[in-house]
Structure formats: C-alpha cells, structure tokens
C-alpha cells in the first residue's frame, strides 16, 4: 500500500493509539460536586495533556481517550491519566485499558 493511502487510512506508521477509561465516583456526591469533578478532570488532566475524552456518566463514567490532534497517546500520558484518577479523593475505583488503535481496534472492553 502506498504511503499516501496509509496516511489517509491511518495505517502503518500513521496508526493512532488511544485507550478506554472507566471510573466510579463516591456515591454521596451532589450535582455540583459532580460538575466540579468533571471540570477538574477535563482541565487538569485531559486538556493539560492535549487529549480528548469521549464518553460520559454520572457516578460511573466510561469513555475513550485519544490525542486531540493527529497522532497517538503515549504510554506516559496513559499513566498520567491513571495516576490522576487513582489519586483523586472522589474516585472510588478506576481502570484504563492498554493502548489501542483508535480507528481499527474493534475489541470490546469489559
């Protein structure tokens, strides 16, 4: 396959990687606390690392994290998200997947 086509199809050296994330928040949080948590999450860890988060939730969240431009999330960025969630006092439990192909990995994540 030609380089131009690989680039267009995000294949080979142009493959983009991201990861799934799932976390559960403390049950006693009110709506204002939930909004404040999500603002912190987006500002302090997602936007600060030039990432995007696609997903949602209320007490239990799940979604996908990718790079907010063409390219791949690094293992270091994945670890930063995991560490931030693990250290946040309102997060009861969290889980992040291994890095996966953003465009072509169709594996389900339990």
C-alpha atoms as a PDB file:
ATOM      1  CA  UNK A   1       0.000   0.000   0.000  1.00  0.00           C
ATOM      2  CA  UNK A   2       1.297   3.436  -0.913  1.00  0.00           C
ATOM      3  CA  UNK A   3       2.321   5.887   1.782  1.00  0.00           C
ATOM      4  CA  UNK A   4      -0.402   8.394   0.842  1.00  0.00           C
ATOM      5  CA  UNK A   5      -3.104   5.757   1.218  1.00  0.00           C
ATOM      6  CA  UNK A   6      -1.655   4.507   4.534  1.00  0.00           C
ATOM      7  CA  UNK A   7      -1.780   8.086   5.822  1.00  0.00           C
ATOM      8  CA  UNK A   8      -5.343   8.583   4.621  1.00  0.00           C
ATOM      9  CA  UNK A   9      -6.444   5.314   6.263  1.00  0.00           C
ATOM     10  CA  UNK A  10      -4.431   5.809   9.490  1.00  0.00           C
ATOM     11  CA  UNK A  11      -2.465   2.617   8.921  1.00  0.00           C
ATOM     12  CA  UNK A  12       1.154   1.546   9.352  1.00  0.00           C
ATOM     13  CA  UNK A  13       3.350   4.408  10.545  1.00  0.00           C
ATOM     14  CA  UNK A  14       0.228   6.645  10.662  1.00  0.00           C
ATOM     15  CA  UNK A  15      -1.714   4.451  13.101  1.00  0.00           C
ATOM     16  CA  UNK A  16      -3.220   6.410  16.003  1.00  0.00           C
ATOM     17  CA  UNK A  17      -3.438   4.951  19.503  1.00  0.00           C
ATOM     18  CA  UNK A  18      -5.708   5.766  22.451  1.00  0.00           C
ATOM     19  CA  UNK A  19      -7.257   3.946  25.411  1.00  0.00           C
ATOM     20  CA  UNK A  20     -10.508   3.191  27.198  1.00  0.00           C
ATOM     21  CA  UNK A  21     -11.085   4.508  30.699  1.00  0.00           C
ATOM     22  CA  UNK A  22     -13.664   3.616  33.330  1.00  0.00           C
ATOM     23  CA  UNK A  23     -14.042   5.087  36.815  1.00  0.00           C
ATOM     24  CA  UNK A  24     -16.581   5.219  39.606  1.00  0.00           C
ATOM     25  CA  UNK A  25     -17.109   8.202  41.884  1.00  0.00           C
ATOM     26  CA  UNK A  26     -18.187   8.315  45.519  1.00  0.00           C
ATOM     27  CA  UNK A  27     -21.939   7.852  45.846  1.00  0.00           C
ATOM     28  CA  UNK A  28     -22.517  10.823  48.152  1.00  0.00           C
ATOM     29  CA  UNK A  29     -21.596  13.457  45.535  1.00  0.00           C
ATOM     30  CA  UNK A  30     -24.204  16.043  44.630  1.00  0.00           C
ATOM     31  CA  UNK A  31     -24.696  17.543  41.186  1.00  0.00           C
ATOM     32  CA  UNK A  32     -22.419  20.492  41.950  1.00  0.00           C
ATOM     33  CA  UNK A  33     -19.644  18.163  43.152  1.00  0.00           C
ATOM     34  CA  UNK A  34     -20.010  16.019  40.021  1.00  0.00           C
ATOM     35  CA  UNK A  35     -19.745  19.091  37.803  1.00  0.00           C
ATOM     36  CA  UNK A  36     -16.705  20.320  39.731  1.00  0.00           C
ATOM     37  CA  UNK A  37     -15.048  16.899  39.423  1.00  0.00           C
ATOM     38  CA  UNK A  38     -15.622  16.730  35.676  1.00  0.00           C
ATOM     39  CA  UNK A  39     -14.300  20.291  35.224  1.00  0.00           C
ATOM     40  CA  UNK A  40     -11.149  19.287  37.123  1.00  0.00           C
ATOM     41  CA  UNK A  41     -10.797  16.084  35.114  1.00  0.00           C
ATOM     42  CA  UNK A  42     -11.062  17.899  31.793  1.00  0.00           C
ATOM     43  CA  UNK A  43      -8.896  20.877  32.766  1.00  0.00           C
ATOM     44  CA  UNK A  44      -6.175  19.267  34.878  1.00  0.00           C
ATOM     45  CA  UNK A  45      -5.530  16.038  33.020  1.00  0.00           C
ATOM     46  CA  UNK A  46      -7.298  15.892  29.645  1.00  0.00           C
ATOM     47  CA  UNK A  47      -6.741  19.383  28.204  1.00  0.00           C
ATOM     48  CA  UNK A  48      -3.418  19.805  30.038  1.00  0.00           C
ATOM     49  CA  UNK A  49      -2.068  16.797  28.097  1.00  0.00           C
ATOM     50  CA  UNK A  50      -3.640  17.782  24.740  1.00  0.00           C
ATOM     51  CA  UNK A  51      -6.067  14.841  24.940  1.00  0.00           C
ATOM     52  CA  UNK A  52      -9.787  14.397  24.341  1.00  0.00           C
ATOM     53  CA  UNK A  53     -12.293  12.329  26.300  1.00  0.00           C
ATOM     54  CA  UNK A  54     -15.321  10.882  24.551  1.00  0.00           C
ATOM     55  CA  UNK A  55     -17.785   9.303  26.926  1.00  0.00           C
ATOM     56  CA  UNK A  56     -19.927  10.127  29.891  1.00  0.00           C
ATOM     57  CA  UNK A  57     -21.637   9.048  33.017  1.00  0.00           C
ATOM     58  CA  UNK A  58     -22.834  10.217  36.397  1.00  0.00           C
ATOM     59  CA  UNK A  59     -21.474   8.173  39.301  1.00  0.00           C
ATOM     60  CA  UNK A  60     -19.920   5.660  36.900  1.00  0.00           C
ATOM     61  CA  UNK A  61     -18.051   7.007  33.885  1.00  0.00           C
ATOM     62  CA  UNK A  62     -16.596   5.326  30.859  1.00  0.00           C
ATOM     63  CA  UNK A  63     -15.161   6.570  27.618  1.00  0.00           C
ATOM     64  CA  UNK A  64     -12.210   6.741  25.292  1.00  0.00           C
ATOM     65  CA  UNK A  65      -9.157   8.981  25.495  1.00  0.00           C
ATOM     66  CA  UNK A  66      -7.205   9.987  22.397  1.00  0.00           C
ATOM     67  CA  UNK A  67      -4.797  12.689  21.293  1.00  0.00           C
ATOM     68  CA  UNK A  68      -6.512  15.988  20.457  1.00  0.00           C
ATOM     69  CA  UNK A  69      -4.628  16.203  17.158  1.00  0.00           C
ATOM     70  CA  UNK A  70      -3.273  13.744  14.638  1.00  0.00           C
ATOM     71  CA  UNK A  71      -1.011  11.212  16.383  1.00  0.00           C
ATOM     72  CA  UNK A  72      -1.036   8.785  19.264  1.00  0.00           C
ATOM     73  CA  UNK A  73      -1.392   8.911  23.014  1.00  0.00           C
ATOM     74  CA  UNK A  74       1.848   7.874  24.694  1.00  0.00           C
ATOM     75  CA  UNK A  75       2.178   5.316  27.453  1.00  0.00           C
ATOM     76  CA  UNK A  76       3.278   8.195  29.705  1.00  0.00           C
ATOM     77  CA  UNK A  77       0.052  10.123  29.028  1.00  0.00           C
ATOM     78  CA  UNK A  78      -1.976   6.974  29.705  1.00  0.00           C
ATOM     79  CA  UNK A  79      -0.151   6.538  33.010  1.00  0.00           C
ATOM     80  CA  UNK A  80      -0.731  10.206  33.923  1.00  0.00           C
ATOM     81  CA  UNK A  81      -4.492   9.810  33.456  1.00  0.00           C
ATOM     82  CA  UNK A  82      -4.476   6.610  35.515  1.00  0.00           C
ATOM     83  CA  UNK A  83      -2.386   8.190  38.293  1.00  0.00           C
ATOM     84  CA  UNK A  84      -4.580  11.310  38.408  1.00  0.00           C
ATOM     85  CA  UNK A  85      -7.725   9.198  38.749  1.00  0.00           C
ATOM     86  CA  UNK A  86      -6.067   6.961  41.357  1.00  0.00           C
ATOM     87  CA  UNK A  87      -5.023   9.953  43.464  1.00  0.00           C
ATOM     88  CA  UNK A  88      -8.295  11.881  43.271  1.00  0.00           C
ATOM     89  CA  UNK A  89     -10.217  11.602  46.565  1.00  0.00           C
ATOM     90  CA  UNK A  90     -13.633  11.356  44.878  1.00  0.00           C
ATOM     91  CA  UNK A  91     -12.666   8.410  42.642  1.00  0.00           C
ATOM     92  CA  UNK A  92     -13.541   5.113  44.312  1.00  0.00           C
ATOM     93  CA  UNK A  93     -12.116   2.877  41.580  1.00  0.00           C
ATOM     94  CA  UNK A  94     -10.721   3.276  38.094  1.00  0.00           C
ATOM     95  CA  UNK A  95      -9.418   1.213  35.214  1.00  0.00           C
ATOM     96  CA  UNK A  96      -7.629   2.067  31.960  1.00  0.00           C
ATOM     97  CA  UNK A  97      -7.079  -0.268  29.027  1.00  0.00           C
ATOM     98  CA  UNK A  98      -3.870  -0.833  27.153  1.00  0.00           C
ATOM     99  CA  UNK A  99      -3.209   1.417  24.151  1.00  0.00           C
ATOM    100  CA  UNK A 100      -5.431   0.509  21.202  1.00  0.00           C
ATOM    101  CA  UNK A 101      -5.767   1.502  17.581  1.00  0.00           C
ATOM    102  CA  UNK A 102      -8.237   4.418  17.528  1.00  0.00           C
ATOM    103  CA  UNK A 103      -9.590   3.600  14.066  1.00  0.00           C
ATOM    104  CA  UNK A 104      -9.452  -0.182  13.699  1.00  0.00           C
ATOM    105  CA  UNK A 105      -9.412  -1.924  17.097  1.00  0.00           C
ATOM    106  CA  UNK A 106     -12.892  -3.366  17.487  1.00  0.00           C
ATOM    107  CA  UNK A 107     -12.198  -5.402  20.633  1.00  0.00           C
ATOM    108  CA  UNK A 108     -14.834  -4.926  23.287  1.00  0.00           C
ATOM    109  CA  UNK A 109     -13.636  -3.658  26.602  1.00  0.00           C
ATOM    110  CA  UNK A 110     -15.406  -5.307  29.522  1.00  0.00           C
END
